[in-house]
């Protein structure tokens, strides 16, 4: 399971992404998160997002699915 620090960092990053926006593309999400110089564990969840545009709810669901998969397999950021 992701640590509390990882969860808090991911939440903070996601909140910051959507200020005044409804959707953001995967490449922009990755670029903006990477610019924050976050822990590798946090970056892994964003690095393997499937291509596309994400609403806040869609991004939360996708990151949550990555976390669930990591809990089940013991591996982070598996490409789907």
PDB file of N, CA and C in Angstrom:
ATOM      1  N   UNK A   1       0.849  -1.188   0.000  1.00  0.00           N
ATOM      2  CA  UNK A   1       0.000   0.000   0.000  1.00  0.00           C
ATOM      3  C   UNK A   1       0.884   1.237   0.000  1.00  0.00           C
ATOM      4  N   UNK A   2       0.430   2.248  -0.710  1.00  0.00           N
ATOM      5  CA  UNK A   2       1.168   3.512  -0.765  1.00  0.00           C
ATOM      6  C   UNK A   2       1.197   4.156   0.621  1.00  0.00           C
ATOM      7  N   UNK A   3       2.323   4.777   0.919  1.00  0.00           N
ATOM      8  CA  UNK A   3       2.474   5.436   2.217  1.00  0.00           C
ATOM      9  C   UNK A   3       1.565   6.660   2.300  1.00  0.00           C
ATOM     10  N   UNK A   4       1.330   7.118   3.517  1.00  0.00           N
ATOM     11  CA  UNK A   4       0.531   8.331   3.710  1.00  0.00           C
ATOM     12  C   UNK A   4       1.177   9.522   3.008  1.00  0.00           C
ATOM     13  N   UNK A   5       2.499   9.596   3.062  1.00  0.00           N
ATOM     14  CA  UNK A   5       3.201  10.692   2.398  1.00  0.00           C
ATOM     15  C   UNK A   5       2.976  10.656   0.889  1.00  0.00           C
ATOM     16  N   UNK A   6       3.022   9.464   0.306  1.00  0.00           N
ATOM     17  CA  UNK A   6       2.770   9.312  -1.136  1.00  0.00           C
ATOM     18  C   UNK A   6       1.353   9.746  -1.470  1.00  0.00           C
ATOM     19  N   UNK A   7       0.386   9.289  -0.687  1.00  0.00           N
ATOM     20  CA  UNK A   7      -1.012   9.650  -0.933  1.00  0.00           C
ATOM     21  C   UNK A   7      -1.236  11.151  -0.822  1.00  0.00           C
ATOM     22  N   UNK A   8      -0.642  11.766   0.175  1.00  0.00           N
ATOM     23  CA  UNK A   8      -0.794  13.218   0.348  1.00  0.00           C
ATOM     24  C   UNK A   8      -0.156  13.975  -0.808  1.00  0.00           C
ATOM     25  N   UNK A   9       1.005  13.523  -1.249  1.00  0.00           N
ATOM     26  CA  UNK A   9       1.680  14.182  -2.363  1.00  0.00           C
ATOM     27  C   UNK A   9       0.866  14.056  -3.634  1.00  0.00           C
ATOM     28  N   UNK A  10       0.356  12.875  -3.906  1.00  0.00           N
ATOM     29  CA  UNK A  10      -0.470  12.674  -5.102  1.00  0.00           C
ATOM     30  C   UNK A  10      -1.712  13.552  -5.043  1.00  0.00           C
ATOM     31  N   UNK A  11      -2.364  13.614  -3.902  1.00  0.00           N
ATOM     32  CA  UNK A  11      -3.544  14.467  -3.750  1.00  0.00           C
ATOM     33  C   UNK A  11      -3.238  15.927  -3.997  1.00  0.00           C
ATOM     34  N   UNK A  12      -2.120  16.391  -3.446  1.00  0.00           N
ATOM     35  CA  UNK A  12      -1.714  17.788  -3.633  1.00  0.00           C
ATOM     36  C   UNK A  12      -1.419  18.073  -5.104  1.00  0.00           C
ATOM     37  N   UNK A  13      -0.730  17.151  -5.751  1.00  0.00           N
ATOM     38  CA  UNK A  13      -0.397  17.338  -7.162  1.00  0.00           C
ATOM     39  C   UNK A  13      -1.655  17.389  -8.027  1.00  0.00           C
ATOM     40  N   UNK A  14      -2.558  16.461  -7.791  1.00  0.00           N
ATOM     41  CA  UNK A  14      -3.792  16.422  -8.580  1.00  0.00           C
ATOM     42  C   UNK A  14      -4.601  17.694  -8.369  1.00  0.00           C
ATOM     43  N   UNK A  15      -4.728  18.139  -7.129  1.00  0.00           N
ATOM     44  CA  UNK A  15      -5.465  19.384  -6.862  1.00  0.00           C
ATOM     45  C   UNK A  15      -4.865  20.551  -7.632  1.00  0.00           C
ATOM     46  N   UNK A  16      -3.540  20.631  -7.676  1.00  0.00           N
ATOM     47  CA  UNK A  16      -2.870  21.725  -8.367  1.00  0.00           C
ATOM     48  C   UNK A  16      -3.017  21.672  -9.874  1.00  0.00           C
ATOM     49  N   UNK A  17      -3.205  20.489 -10.417  1.00  0.00           N
ATOM     50  CA  UNK A  17      -3.325  20.350 -11.868  1.00  0.00           C
ATOM     51  C   UNK A  17      -4.597  20.964 -12.424  1.00  0.00           C
ATOM     52  N   UNK A  18      -5.667  20.921 -11.677  1.00  0.00           N
ATOM     53  CA  UNK A  18      -6.981  21.248 -12.218  1.00  0.00           C
ATOM     54  C   UNK A  18      -7.509  22.617 -11.846  1.00  0.00           C
ATOM     55  N   UNK A  19      -6.664  23.495 -11.348  1.00  0.00           N
ATOM     56  CA  UNK A  19      -7.123  24.842 -11.006  1.00  0.00           C
ATOM     57  C   UNK A  19      -7.611  25.543 -12.269  1.00  0.00           C
ATOM     58  N   UNK A  20      -8.924  25.738 -12.364  1.00  0.00           N
ATOM     59  CA  UNK A  20      -9.521  26.423 -13.504  1.00  0.00           C
ATOM     60  C   UNK A  20      -9.600  25.605 -14.777  1.00  0.00           C
ATOM     61  N   UNK A  21      -9.405  24.297 -14.703  1.00  0.00           N
ATOM     62  CA  UNK A  21      -9.427  23.441 -15.897  1.00  0.00           C
ATOM     63  C   UNK A  21     -10.351  22.259 -15.666  1.00  0.00           C
ATOM     64  N   UNK A  22     -10.954  21.798 -16.758  1.00  0.00           N
ATOM     65  CA  UNK A  22     -11.821  20.629 -16.682  1.00  0.00           C
ATOM     66  C   UNK A  22     -11.101  19.346 -17.093  1.00  0.00           C
ATOM     67  N   UNK A  23     -10.209  19.453 -18.091  1.00  0.00           N
ATOM     68  CA  UNK A  23      -9.476  18.293 -18.590  1.00  0.00           C
ATOM     69  C   UNK A  23      -8.021  18.664 -18.844  1.00  0.00           C
ATOM     70  N   UNK A  24      -7.160  17.658 -18.700  1.00  0.00           N
ATOM     71  CA  UNK A  24      -5.740  17.839 -18.991  1.00  0.00           C
ATOM     72  C   UNK A  24      -5.241  16.562 -19.664  1.00  0.00           C
ATOM     73  N   UNK A  25      -4.415  16.718 -20.685  1.00  0.00           N
ATOM     74  CA  UNK A  25      -3.841  15.582 -21.382  1.00  0.00           C
ATOM     75  C   UNK A  25      -2.733  14.912 -20.587  1.00  0.00           C
ATOM     76  N   UNK A  26      -2.537  13.636 -20.873  1.00  0.00           N
ATOM     77  CA  UNK A  26      -1.525  12.847 -20.172  1.00  0.00           C
ATOM     78  C   UNK A  26      -0.141  13.487 -20.229  1.00  0.00           C
ATOM     79  N   UNK A  27       0.269  13.975 -21.393  1.00  0.00           N
ATOM     80  CA  UNK A  27       1.614  14.535 -21.527  1.00  0.00           C
ATOM     81  C   UNK A  27       1.793  15.776 -20.655  1.00  0.00           C
ATOM     82  N   UNK A  28       0.764  16.614 -20.599  1.00  0.00           N
ATOM     83  CA  UNK A  28       0.853  17.800 -19.741  1.00  0.00           C
ATOM     84  C   UNK A  28       0.863  17.410 -18.264  1.00  0.00           C
ATOM     85  N   UNK A  29       0.047  16.431 -17.915  1.00  0.00           N
ATOM     86  CA  UNK A  29       0.040  15.946 -16.525  1.00  0.00           C
ATOM     87  C   UNK A  29       1.438  15.487 -16.144  1.00  0.00           C
ATOM     88  N   UNK A  30       2.038  14.651 -16.985  1.00  0.00           N
ATOM     89  CA  UNK A  30       3.368  14.123 -16.694  1.00  0.00           C
ATOM     90  C   UNK A  30       4.395  15.248 -16.581  1.00  0.00           C
ATOM     91  N   UNK A  31       4.375  16.155 -17.524  1.00  0.00           N
ATOM     92  CA  UNK A  31       5.333  17.265 -17.538  1.00  0.00           C
ATOM     93  C   UNK A  31       5.214  18.122 -16.279  1.00  0.00           C
ATOM     94  N   UNK A  32       3.995  18.439 -15.886  1.00  0.00           N
ATOM     95  CA  UNK A  32       3.788  19.301 -14.717  1.00  0.00           C
ATOM     96  C   UNK A  32       4.136  18.588 -13.414  1.00  0.00           C
ATOM     97  N   UNK A  33       3.832  17.297 -13.317  1.00  0.00           N
ATOM     98  CA  UNK A  33       4.179  16.543 -12.110  1.00  0.00           C
ATOM     99  C   UNK A  33       5.695  16.384 -12.027  1.00  0.00           C
ATOM    100  N   UNK A  34       6.328  16.064 -13.140  1.00  0.00           N
ATOM    101  CA  UNK A  34       7.787  15.898 -13.157  1.00  0.00           C
ATOM    102  C   UNK A  34       8.492  17.187 -12.737  1.00  0.00           C
ATOM    103  N   UNK A  35       7.950  18.322 -13.110  1.00  0.00           N
ATOM    104  CA  UNK A  35       8.547  19.614 -12.757  1.00  0.00           C
ATOM    105  C   UNK A  35       8.515  19.863 -11.250  1.00  0.00           C
ATOM    106  N   UNK A  36       7.681  19.132 -10.526  1.00  0.00           N
ATOM    107  CA  UNK A  36       7.569  19.291  -9.072  1.00  0.00           C
ATOM    108  C   UNK A  36       8.663  18.537  -8.318  1.00  0.00           C
ATOM    109  N   UNK A  37       9.482  17.771  -9.026  1.00  0.00           N
ATOM    110  CA  UNK A  37      10.585  17.028  -8.408  1.00  0.00           C
ATOM    111  C   UNK A  37      10.095  16.176  -7.232  1.00  0.00           C
ATOM    112  N   UNK A  38       9.188  15.251  -7.546  1.00  0.00           N
ATOM    113  CA  UNK A  38       8.586  14.398  -6.519  1.00  0.00           C
ATOM    114  C   UNK A  38       9.348  13.076  -6.388  1.00  0.00           C
ATOM    115  N   UNK A  39       9.028  12.344  -5.333  1.00  0.00           N
ATOM    116  CA  UNK A  39       9.643  11.033  -5.086  1.00  0.00           C
ATOM    117  C   UNK A  39       9.385  10.108  -6.275  1.00  0.00           C
ATOM    118  N   UNK A  40      10.336   9.225  -6.577  1.00  0.00           N
ATOM    119  CA  UNK A  40      10.142   8.294  -7.690  1.00  0.00           C
ATOM    120  C   UNK A  40       8.862   7.462  -7.569  1.00  0.00           C
ATOM    121  N   UNK A  41       8.492   7.059  -6.362  1.00  0.00           N
ATOM    122  CA  UNK A  41       7.261   6.279  -6.192  1.00  0.00           C
ATOM    123  C   UNK A  41       6.046   7.056  -6.678  1.00  0.00           C
ATOM    124  N   UNK A  42       5.997   8.341  -6.358  1.00  0.00           N
ATOM    125  CA  UNK A  42       4.880   9.186  -6.798  1.00  0.00           C
ATOM    126  C   UNK A  42       4.907   9.323  -8.314  1.00  0.00           C
ATOM    127  N   UNK A  43       6.070   9.581  -8.857  1.00  0.00           N
ATOM    128  CA  UNK A  43       6.207   9.790 -10.296  1.00  0.00           C
ATOM    129  C   UNK A  43       5.774   8.560 -11.086  1.00  0.00           C
ATOM    130  N   UNK A  44       6.019   7.388 -10.534  1.00  0.00           N
ATOM    131  CA  UNK A  44       5.672   6.148 -11.225  1.00  0.00           C
ATOM    132  C   UNK A  44       4.185   6.072 -11.537  1.00  0.00           C
ATOM    133  N   UNK A  45       3.358   6.518 -10.613  1.00  0.00           N
ATOM    134  CA  UNK A  45       1.910   6.454 -10.846  1.00  0.00           C
ATOM    135  C   UNK A  45       1.491   7.341 -12.019  1.00  0.00           C
ATOM    136  N   UNK A  46       2.154   8.455 -12.188  1.00  0.00           N
ATOM    137  CA  UNK A  46       1.816   9.376 -13.282  1.00  0.00           C
ATOM    138  C   UNK A  46       2.500   8.978 -14.591  1.00  0.00           C
ATOM    139  N   UNK A  47       3.635   8.327 -14.503  1.00  0.00           N
ATOM    140  CA  UNK A  47       4.428   8.005 -15.692  1.00  0.00           C
ATOM    141  C   UNK A  47       3.757   6.975 -16.597  1.00  0.00           C
ATOM    142  N   UNK A  48       2.911   6.151 -16.031  1.00  0.00           N
ATOM    143  CA  UNK A  48       2.315   5.077 -16.819  1.00  0.00           C
ATOM    144  C   UNK A  48       0.830   5.284 -17.112  1.00  0.00           C
ATOM    145  N   UNK A  49       0.400   6.532 -17.091  1.00  0.00           N
ATOM    146  CA  UNK A  49      -0.987   6.807 -17.457  1.00  0.00           C
ATOM    147  C   UNK A  49      -1.187   6.507 -18.938  1.00  0.00           C
ATOM    148  N   UNK A  50      -2.297   5.884 -19.296  1.00  0.00           N
ATOM    149  CA  UNK A  50      -2.597   5.686 -20.704  1.00  0.00           C
ATOM    150  C   UNK A  50      -2.799   7.042 -21.406  1.00  0.00           C
ATOM    151  N   UNK A  51      -2.536   7.078 -22.689  1.00  0.00           N
ATOM    152  CA  UNK A  51      -2.710   8.294 -23.469  1.00  0.00           C
ATOM    153  C   UNK A  51      -4.156   8.762 -23.399  1.00  0.00           C
ATOM    154  N   UNK A  52      -4.338  10.062 -23.405  1.00  0.00           N
ATOM    155  CA  UNK A  52      -5.680  10.626 -23.424  1.00  0.00           C
ATOM    156  C   UNK A  52      -5.792  11.848 -22.546  1.00  0.00           C
ATOM    157  N   UNK A  53      -6.985  12.424 -22.544  1.00  0.00           N
ATOM    158  CA  UNK A  53      -7.302  13.565 -21.697  1.00  0.00           C
ATOM    159  C   UNK A  53      -8.064  13.055 -20.480  1.00  0.00           C
ATOM    160  N   UNK A  54      -7.818  13.713 -19.337  1.00  0.00           N
ATOM    161  CA  UNK A  54      -8.408  13.275 -18.081  1.00  0.00           C
ATOM    162  C   UNK A  54      -9.124  14.412 -17.375  1.00  0.00           C
ATOM    163  N   UNK A  55     -10.340  14.128 -16.946  1.00  0.00           N
ATOM    164  CA  UNK A  55     -10.988  15.015 -15.990  1.00  0.00           C
ATOM    165  C   UNK A  55     -10.387  14.681 -14.630  1.00  0.00           C
ATOM    166  N   UNK A  56     -10.664  15.484 -13.632  1.00  0.00           N
ATOM    167  CA  UNK A  56     -10.156  15.218 -12.294  1.00  0.00           C
ATOM    168  C   UNK A  56     -10.601  13.835 -11.818  1.00  0.00           C
ATOM    169  N   UNK A  57     -11.878  13.525 -11.992  1.00  0.00           N
ATOM    170  CA  UNK A  57     -12.398  12.230 -11.537  1.00  0.00           C
ATOM    171  C   UNK A  57     -11.742  11.068 -12.277  1.00  0.00           C
ATOM    172  N   UNK A  58     -11.514  11.238 -13.574  1.00  0.00           N
ATOM    173  CA  UNK A  58     -10.880  10.178 -14.351  1.00  0.00           C
ATOM    174  C   UNK A  58      -9.434   9.947 -13.904  1.00  0.00           C
ATOM    175  N   UNK A  59      -8.722  11.022 -13.623  1.00  0.00           N
ATOM    176  CA  UNK A  59      -7.343  10.887 -13.166  1.00  0.00           C
ATOM    177  C   UNK A  59      -7.286  10.220 -11.799  1.00  0.00           C
ATOM    178  N   UNK A  60      -8.162  10.622 -10.898  1.00  0.00           N
ATOM    179  CA  UNK A  60      -8.216   9.992  -9.577  1.00  0.00           C
ATOM    180  C   UNK A  60      -8.521   8.502  -9.722  1.00  0.00           C
ATOM    181  N   UNK A  61      -9.465   8.155 -10.590  1.00  0.00           N
ATOM    182  CA  UNK A  61      -9.800   6.743 -10.804  1.00  0.00           C
ATOM    183  C   UNK A  61      -8.610   5.967 -11.370  1.00  0.00           C
ATOM    184  N   UNK A  62      -7.912   6.541 -12.334  1.00  0.00           N
ATOM    185  CA  UNK A  62      -6.782   5.863 -12.966  1.00  0.00           C
ATOM    186  C   UNK A  62      -5.635   5.657 -11.972  1.00  0.00           C
ATOM    187  N   UNK A  63      -5.308   6.704 -11.216  1.00  0.00           N
ATOM    188  CA  UNK A  63      -4.248   6.586 -10.214  1.00  0.00           C
ATOM    189  C   UNK A  63      -4.662   5.572  -9.142  1.00  0.00           C
ATOM    190  N   UNK A  64      -5.929   5.599  -8.744  1.00  0.00           N
ATOM    191  CA  UNK A  64      -6.432   4.624  -7.770  1.00  0.00           C
ATOM    192  C   UNK A  64      -6.312   3.202  -8.286  1.00  0.00           C
ATOM    193  N   UNK A  65      -6.605   2.995  -9.573  1.00  0.00           N
ATOM    194  CA  UNK A  65      -6.474   1.663 -10.163  1.00  0.00           C
ATOM    195  C   UNK A  65      -5.014   1.216 -10.169  1.00  0.00           C
ATOM    196  N   UNK A  66      -4.098   2.148 -10.458  1.00  0.00           N
ATOM    197  CA  UNK A  66      -2.666   1.828 -10.408  1.00  0.00           C
ATOM    198  C   UNK A  66      -2.264   1.413  -8.994  1.00  0.00           C
ATOM    199  N   UNK A  67      -2.769   2.124  -8.003  1.00  0.00           N
ATOM    200  CA  UNK A  67      -2.447   1.791  -6.612  1.00  0.00           C
ATOM    201  C   UNK A  67      -3.002   0.423  -6.233  1.00  0.00           C
ATOM    202  N   UNK A  68      -4.234   0.156  -6.661  1.00  0.00           N
ATOM    203  CA  UNK A  68      -4.831  -1.150  -6.371  1.00  0.00           C
ATOM    204  C   UNK A  68      -4.016  -2.269  -7.011  1.00  0.00           C
ATOM    205  N   UNK A  69      -3.585  -2.048  -8.249  1.00  0.00           N
ATOM    206  CA  UNK A  69      -2.802  -3.050  -8.942  1.00  0.00           C
ATOM    207  C   UNK A  69      -1.455  -3.255  -8.254  1.00  0.00           C
ATOM    208  N   UNK A  70      -0.844  -2.168  -7.800  1.00  0.00           N
ATOM    209  CA  UNK A  70       0.432  -2.269  -7.086  1.00  0.00           C
ATOM    210  C   UNK A  70       0.248  -3.050  -5.784  1.00  0.00           C
ATOM    211  N   UNK A  71      -0.867  -2.848  -5.096  1.00  0.00           N
ATOM    212  CA  UNK A  71      -1.143  -3.584  -3.862  1.00  0.00           C
ATOM    213  C   UNK A  71      -1.277  -5.081  -4.141  1.00  0.00           C
ATOM    214  N   UNK A  72      -1.909  -5.411  -5.270  1.00  0.00           N
ATOM    215  CA  UNK A  72      -2.146  -6.809  -5.607  1.00  0.00           C
ATOM    216  C   UNK A  72      -0.891  -7.515  -6.099  1.00  0.00           C
ATOM    217  N   UNK A  73      -0.067  -6.803  -6.868  1.00  0.00           N
ATOM    218  CA  UNK A  73       1.083  -7.443  -7.502  1.00  0.00           C
ATOM    219  C   UNK A  73       2.399  -7.163  -6.790  1.00  0.00           C
ATOM    220  N   UNK A  74       2.409  -6.123  -5.966  1.00  0.00           N
ATOM    221  CA  UNK A  74       3.650  -5.724  -5.318  1.00  0.00           C
ATOM    222  C   UNK A  74       4.551  -4.900  -6.218  1.00  0.00           C
ATOM    223  N   UNK A  75       4.050  -4.513  -7.402  1.00  0.00           N
ATOM    224  CA  UNK A  75       4.831  -3.725  -8.349  1.00  0.00           C
ATOM    225  C   UNK A  75       4.105  -2.424  -8.651  1.00  0.00           C
ATOM    226  N   UNK A  76       4.877  -1.379  -8.832  1.00  0.00           N
ATOM    227  CA  UNK A  76       4.313  -0.079  -9.149  1.00  0.00           C
ATOM    228  C   UNK A  76       4.306   0.178 -10.641  1.00  0.00           C
ATOM    229  N   UNK A  77       3.296   0.921 -11.094  1.00  0.00           N
ATOM    230  CA  UNK A  77       3.300   1.470 -12.438  1.00  0.00           C
ATOM    231  C   UNK A  77       3.300   0.453 -13.563  1.00  0.00           C
ATOM    232  N   UNK A  78       2.550  -0.603 -13.440  1.00  0.00           N
ATOM    233  CA  UNK A  78       2.483  -1.564 -14.532  1.00  0.00           C
ATOM    234  C   UNK A  78       1.741  -0.958 -15.704  1.00  0.00           C
ATOM    235  N   UNK A  79       2.300  -1.133 -16.888  1.00  0.00           N
ATOM    236  CA  UNK A  79       1.632  -0.618 -18.089  1.00  0.00           C
ATOM    237  C   UNK A  79       0.490  -1.558 -18.424  1.00  0.00           C
ATOM    238  N   UNK A  80      -0.656  -0.957 -18.663  1.00  0.00           N
ATOM    239  CA  UNK A  80      -1.847  -1.776 -18.941  1.00  0.00           C
ATOM    240  C   UNK A  80      -1.968  -2.021 -20.418  1.00  0.00           C
TER     241      UNK A  80
END
